Protein backbone atom coordinates (compact mmCIF):
# COMPACT_ATOMS: atom_id res chain seq x y z
CA MET A 1 55.91 1.14 81.43
CA ARG A 2 55.62 4.75 82.41
CA TYR A 3 52.49 6.78 81.74
CA CYS A 4 51.93 10.47 82.42
CA PHE A 5 48.58 12.14 82.97
CA ALA A 6 47.25 15.65 83.58
CA LEU A 7 44.22 17.00 85.41
CA ASP A 8 43.31 20.37 86.87
CA LEU A 9 42.12 21.37 90.31
CA ILE A 10 39.41 23.87 91.08
CA ASP A 11 41.07 27.24 91.58
CA ASP A 12 40.41 27.59 95.30
CA PRO A 13 43.39 27.72 97.70
CA ALA A 14 41.43 26.07 100.54
CA LEU A 15 40.29 23.19 98.32
CA ILE A 16 43.81 22.75 96.93
CA ALA A 17 45.21 22.57 100.47
CA GLU A 18 42.57 19.96 101.40
CA TYR A 19 43.37 17.94 98.28
CA GLU A 20 47.07 17.92 99.07
CA GLN A 21 46.37 16.94 102.69
CA LEU A 22 44.13 14.10 101.51
CA HIS A 23 46.98 12.74 99.38
CA LYS A 24 49.45 12.63 102.28
CA GLN A 25 47.72 9.38 103.19
CA ILE A 26 45.17 8.09 100.71
CA TRP A 27 42.52 5.61 101.78
CA PRO A 28 44.13 2.17 102.23
CA GLU A 29 41.56 0.53 99.94
CA ILE A 30 42.59 2.90 97.15
CA GLU A 31 46.27 2.09 97.55
CA THR A 32 45.44 -1.63 97.52
CA SER A 33 43.35 -1.20 94.38
CA ILE A 34 46.14 0.70 92.63
CA ARG A 35 48.77 -1.92 93.49
CA GLU A 36 46.52 -4.87 92.56
CA GLN A 37 46.25 -3.55 89.01
CA GLY A 38 50.00 -3.73 88.35
CA ILE A 39 50.84 -0.12 89.20
CA THR A 40 54.21 -0.20 90.92
CA ASP A 41 54.72 3.52 91.51
CA MET A 42 52.56 6.61 91.26
CA GLN A 43 53.53 10.21 91.88
CA ILE A 44 51.45 13.38 91.57
CA TYR A 45 52.96 16.85 91.17
CA ARG A 46 51.20 20.22 91.19
CA ILE A 47 51.91 23.68 89.82
CA GLY A 48 49.11 26.16 90.32
CA THR A 49 45.95 24.24 89.55
CA ARG A 50 47.59 21.76 87.14
CA LEU A 51 48.27 18.22 88.33
CA PHE A 52 50.79 15.93 86.66
CA MET A 53 50.77 12.21 87.49
CA ILE A 54 53.52 9.73 86.68
CA MET A 55 52.46 6.09 86.81
CA GLU A 56 54.88 3.17 86.55
CA THR A 57 53.42 -0.26 85.78
CA ASP A 58 54.52 -3.85 85.48
CA GLU A 59 53.71 -6.25 82.64
CA THR A 60 50.34 -7.20 84.17
CA PHE A 61 48.88 -3.69 83.85
CA SER A 62 46.11 -2.95 81.37
CA PHE A 63 43.95 0.17 81.09
CA GLU A 64 40.94 -1.99 80.28
CA ALA A 65 41.39 -4.28 83.30
CA LYS A 66 41.95 -1.30 85.61
CA ALA A 67 38.80 0.44 84.32
CA ALA A 68 36.75 -2.73 84.86
CA ALA A 69 38.18 -3.30 88.35
CA ASP A 70 37.57 0.35 89.31
CA ALA A 71 33.98 0.22 88.04
CA ALA A 72 33.34 -2.91 90.12
CA ASN A 73 34.93 -1.53 93.31
CA PRO A 74 32.51 0.52 95.44
CA LYS A 75 35.34 2.07 97.47
CA VAL A 76 37.10 3.30 94.31
CA GLN A 77 33.80 4.76 93.09
CA GLU A 78 33.32 6.48 96.46
CA TRP A 79 36.88 7.89 96.29
CA GLU A 80 36.42 9.16 92.73
CA LYS A 81 33.16 10.88 93.64
CA PHE A 82 34.74 12.35 96.78
CA VAL A 83 37.85 13.80 95.08
CA TRP A 84 35.84 15.20 92.14
CA LYS A 85 34.82 18.13 94.34
CA TYR A 86 38.48 19.26 94.13
CA GLN A 87 39.12 18.42 90.49
CA HIS A 88 38.33 20.18 87.24
CA ALA A 89 38.52 18.43 83.87
CA LEU A 90 40.96 19.75 81.30
CA PRO A 91 39.35 21.81 78.52
CA MET A 92 39.93 19.06 75.93
CA ALA A 93 38.44 16.29 78.11
CA LYS A 94 35.40 14.42 76.87
CA PRO A 95 32.40 14.11 79.19
CA GLY A 96 33.29 11.84 82.10
CA GLU A 97 37.06 11.99 81.51
CA LYS A 98 39.29 13.01 84.38
CA TRP A 99 43.00 12.22 84.18
CA LEU A 100 44.11 12.56 80.54
CA LEU A 101 46.99 10.50 79.20
CA MET A 102 49.78 12.74 77.93
CA ASP A 103 51.90 12.11 74.82
CA ARG A 104 55.64 11.98 75.30
CA ILE A 105 57.24 14.42 72.87
CA PHE A 106 60.88 14.16 74.01
CA LYS A 107 63.21 11.64 75.65
CA LEU A 108 66.90 12.12 76.34
């Protein structure tokens, strides 16, 4: 399956540059965690302060299982806290929400 998400960055060129640099090589524990949950490919794109993430998954992936695994993984929690200093929730996000799942409105 393919899922697409959006999130904003804080509008600060220095922070944006740091965030991009950080993603040139994410922490190995984070990559392991992503792959262990059935995510086979993940790409993040940016325009201005808007981030767009494409996530490809296999049949083992579940949002519920990923959320539980992330909550139980101290390194994932450390990463999420660390990168939050760069990120800014979308206006329609509920408290505590970061990446918001997008609805596909067209497919060729």
